[in-house]
């Protein structure tokens, strides 16, 4: 019976030693994991400058909506602190195109489908990993029935397109696609 107690005590000591080593290992490692796949390693702040509307057709509120949508995305999908100056990660740019064009023509030579598109030129700077910085233009569009006037569908389509553009801009910056 004494052998069994001695063996039990030795096993408990081994388990305790392993537990202490695992705890030390876990507390010394910092692992950043995001359900979005966003990598913010080396970054602690983010800034989003106001996106001016430089398109030939200027829609009131579009600049504000795009800028706020990108700010909201950064807040909700990263743990970075939003700053008003220049952050470790910085977005700036401008809306360069806002238009609708005929996409398909029906048999009677009338427009059947129109395409509404928005293009945004973005400069992203990553001070921690400069090779992840970029400057590029993102374009997204939505088609709509030509029997509808743009003013009837513009607000709803703008919301969809802004959402897609922000997703593209964010993913290019933090998910590295």
Protein backbone atom coordinates (compact mmCIF):
# COMPACT_ATOMS: atom_id res chain seq x y z
CA UNK A 1 0.00 0.00 0.00
CA UNK A 2 2.91 2.39 0.70
CA UNK A 3 4.17 1.83 -2.88
CA UNK A 4 0.82 2.86 -4.31
CA UNK A 5 0.74 6.11 -2.32
CA UNK A 6 4.37 6.89 -3.27
CA UNK A 7 3.58 6.27 -6.95
CA UNK A 8 0.49 8.45 -6.72
CA UNK A 9 2.49 11.31 -5.16
CA UNK A 10 5.15 11.02 -7.91
CA UNK A 11 2.50 11.14 -10.61
CA UNK A 12 0.87 14.17 -9.01
CA UNK A 13 4.25 15.93 -8.94
CA UNK A 14 4.79 15.18 -12.64
CA UNK A 15 1.31 16.44 -13.51
CA UNK A 16 1.88 19.59 -11.42
CA UNK A 17 5.24 20.23 -13.11
CA UNK A 18 3.73 19.79 -16.59
CA UNK A 19 0.82 22.08 -15.66
CA UNK A 20 3.22 24.80 -14.50
CA UNK A 21 5.25 24.52 -17.72
CA UNK A 22 2.11 24.74 -19.88
CA UNK A 23 0.87 27.77 -17.94
CA UNK A 24 4.24 29.51 -18.34
CA UNK A 25 4.26 28.76 -22.04
CA UNK A 26 0.72 30.07 -22.53
CA UNK A 27 1.29 33.26 -20.56
CA UNK A 28 4.51 34.06 -22.42
CA UNK A 29 2.95 33.75 -25.88
CA UNK A 30 0.61 36.31 -27.35
CA UNK A 31 -1.62 34.94 -30.06
CA UNK A 32 -3.83 37.25 -32.08
CA UNK A 33 -6.72 35.50 -33.69
CA UNK A 34 -9.56 37.07 -35.56
CA UNK A 35 -12.73 35.39 -36.78
CA UNK A 36 -12.58 37.68 -39.82
CA UNK A 37 -9.08 36.58 -40.80
CA UNK A 38 -7.84 40.13 -40.33
CA UNK A 39 -4.17 40.41 -39.44
CA UNK A 40 -3.21 43.48 -37.43
CA UNK A 41 0.17 42.26 -36.20
CA UNK A 42 2.40 45.15 -35.18
CA UNK A 43 -0.42 47.69 -35.43
CA UNK A 44 -2.16 49.40 -32.53
CA UNK A 45 -3.97 52.30 -34.21
CA UNK A 46 -5.91 52.94 -37.41
CA UNK A 47 -7.01 56.16 -39.07
CA UNK A 48 -9.49 56.80 -41.86
CA UNK A 49 -9.22 60.13 -43.64
CA UNK A 50 -12.30 61.69 -45.22
CA UNK A 51 -12.88 60.36 -48.76
CA UNK A 52 -13.59 63.38 -50.99
CA UNK A 53 -16.00 62.94 -53.89
CA UNK A 54 -14.10 63.85 -57.07
CA UNK A 55 -16.46 62.07 -59.48
CA UNK A 56 -18.02 64.05 -62.31
CA UNK A 57 -21.44 63.39 -60.75
CA UNK A 58 -21.37 64.27 -57.04
CA UNK A 59 -23.99 62.61 -54.85
CA UNK A 60 -24.47 64.45 -51.53
CA UNK A 61 -23.64 62.28 -48.54
CA UNK A 62 -21.70 59.64 -50.49
CA UNK A 63 -18.31 60.74 -49.12
CA UNK A 64 -19.61 60.72 -45.56
CA UNK A 65 -21.33 57.34 -45.96
CA UNK A 66 -18.22 55.68 -47.42
CA UNK A 67 -15.89 57.15 -44.79
CA UNK A 68 -18.18 56.15 -41.91
CA UNK A 69 -18.69 52.65 -43.32
CA UNK A 70 -14.92 52.08 -43.45
CA UNK A 71 -14.52 53.43 -39.90
CA UNK A 72 -17.30 51.11 -38.67
CA UNK A 73 -15.67 48.14 -40.42
CA UNK A 74 -12.31 48.85 -38.77
CA UNK A 75 -13.95 49.22 -35.36
CA UNK A 76 -15.99 46.05 -35.61
CA UNK A 77 -13.47 43.77 -37.31
CA UNK A 78 -10.18 44.75 -35.60
CA UNK A 79 -8.93 45.54 -32.14
CA UNK A 80 -7.16 48.67 -33.40
CA UNK A 81 -7.76 52.01 -31.71
CA UNK A 82 -9.24 54.59 -34.07
CA UNK A 83 -7.28 57.86 -34.08
CA UNK A 84 -8.01 61.14 -35.82
CA UNK A 85 -4.45 61.88 -36.99
CA UNK A 86 -2.32 59.28 -38.74
CA UNK A 87 -2.51 55.79 -37.32
CA UNK A 88 -0.16 52.84 -37.70
CA UNK A 89 -2.59 51.83 -40.43
CA UNK A 90 -4.02 54.70 -42.49
CA UNK A 91 -6.70 54.85 -45.18
CA UNK A 92 -7.07 57.83 -47.49
CA UNK A 93 -8.52 58.32 -50.91
CA UNK A 94 -11.27 59.72 -53.06
CA UNK A 95 -14.38 58.73 -54.95
CA UNK A 96 -13.32 58.93 -58.61
CA UNK A 97 -16.37 57.64 -60.48
CA UNK A 98 -20.13 57.55 -59.92
CA UNK A 99 -22.17 56.67 -62.97
CA UNK A 100 -24.89 54.67 -64.62
CA UNK A 101 -24.59 53.18 -68.11
CA UNK A 102 -26.73 51.00 -70.34
CA UNK A 103 -25.71 47.40 -69.90
CA UNK A 104 -28.02 45.48 -72.27
CA UNK A 105 -30.38 46.52 -75.02
CA UNK A 106 -33.76 44.92 -75.67
CA UNK A 107 -35.05 43.85 -79.10
CA UNK A 108 -36.67 47.23 -79.72
CA UNK A 109 -33.30 49.03 -79.26
CA UNK A 110 -34.21 50.30 -75.80
CA UNK A 111 -32.12 49.84 -72.68
CA UNK A 112 -33.15 46.72 -70.79
CA UNK A 113 -30.63 46.79 -67.94
CA UNK A 114 -28.58 49.66 -66.58
CA UNK A 115 -25.41 49.37 -64.54
CA UNK A 116 -24.79 51.72 -61.64
CA UNK A 117 -21.16 51.84 -60.50
CA UNK A 118 -18.94 53.60 -57.97
CA UNK A 119 -15.13 53.66 -58.07
CA UNK A 120 -12.88 54.62 -55.15
CA UNK A 121 -9.14 55.29 -55.32
CA UNK A 122 -7.53 54.20 -52.03
CA UNK A 123 -4.09 54.65 -50.54
CA UNK A 124 -3.49 52.35 -47.56
CA UNK A 125 -0.34 52.72 -45.49
CA UNK A 126 0.78 50.04 -43.04
CA UNK A 127 3.68 51.40 -40.98
CA UNK A 128 4.39 48.04 -39.30
CA UNK A 129 4.53 45.98 -42.51
CA UNK A 130 5.17 48.44 -45.36
CA UNK A 131 4.93 45.73 -48.02
CA UNK A 132 1.22 45.41 -47.12
CA UNK A 133 0.65 49.05 -48.09
CA UNK A 134 -1.12 49.65 -51.39
CA UNK A 135 -2.58 52.23 -53.71
CA UNK A 136 -5.35 51.05 -56.02
CA UNK A 137 -8.81 51.76 -57.37
CA UNK A 138 -11.76 49.62 -56.33
CA UNK A 139 -14.90 49.49 -58.46
CA UNK A 140 -18.21 47.84 -57.70
CA UNK A 141 -21.54 47.92 -59.53
CA UNK A 142 -25.14 46.81 -59.36
CA UNK A 143 -27.48 46.30 -62.31
CA UNK A 144 -31.06 47.54 -62.29
CA UNK A 145 -34.07 47.43 -64.60
CA UNK A 146 -34.03 50.30 -67.09
CA UNK A 147 -37.77 50.80 -66.56
CA UNK A 148 -36.79 52.29 -63.21
CA UNK A 149 -35.34 55.74 -62.88
CA UNK A 150 -31.95 55.89 -61.12
CA UNK A 151 -33.46 58.11 -58.43
CA UNK A 152 -35.84 55.24 -57.52
CA UNK A 153 -33.03 52.74 -56.84
CA UNK A 154 -30.02 54.95 -56.16
CA UNK A 155 -30.13 54.95 -52.35
CA UNK A 156 -30.53 51.18 -52.04
CA UNK A 157 -27.90 50.42 -54.66
CA UNK A 158 -25.46 52.92 -53.14
CA UNK A 159 -25.73 51.18 -49.76
CA UNK A 160 -25.00 47.78 -51.37
CA UNK A 161 -22.09 49.09 -53.41
CA UNK A 162 -20.53 50.94 -50.46
CA UNK A 163 -20.76 47.75 -48.40
CA UNK A 164 -18.97 45.78 -51.15
CA UNK A 165 -16.32 48.47 -51.64
CA UNK A 166 -15.58 48.68 -47.91
CA UNK A 167 -15.28 44.88 -47.76
CA UNK A 168 -12.80 44.94 -50.67
CA UNK A 169 -10.76 47.83 -49.20
CA UNK A 170 -10.64 46.21 -45.75
CA UNK A 171 -9.77 42.74 -47.05
CA UNK A 172 -6.97 44.08 -49.23
CA UNK A 173 -5.52 45.90 -46.21
CA UNK A 174 -5.87 43.30 -43.47
CA UNK A 175 -6.64 39.92 -45.02
CA UNK A 176 -4.07 40.31 -47.82
CA UNK A 177 -6.12 38.85 -50.66
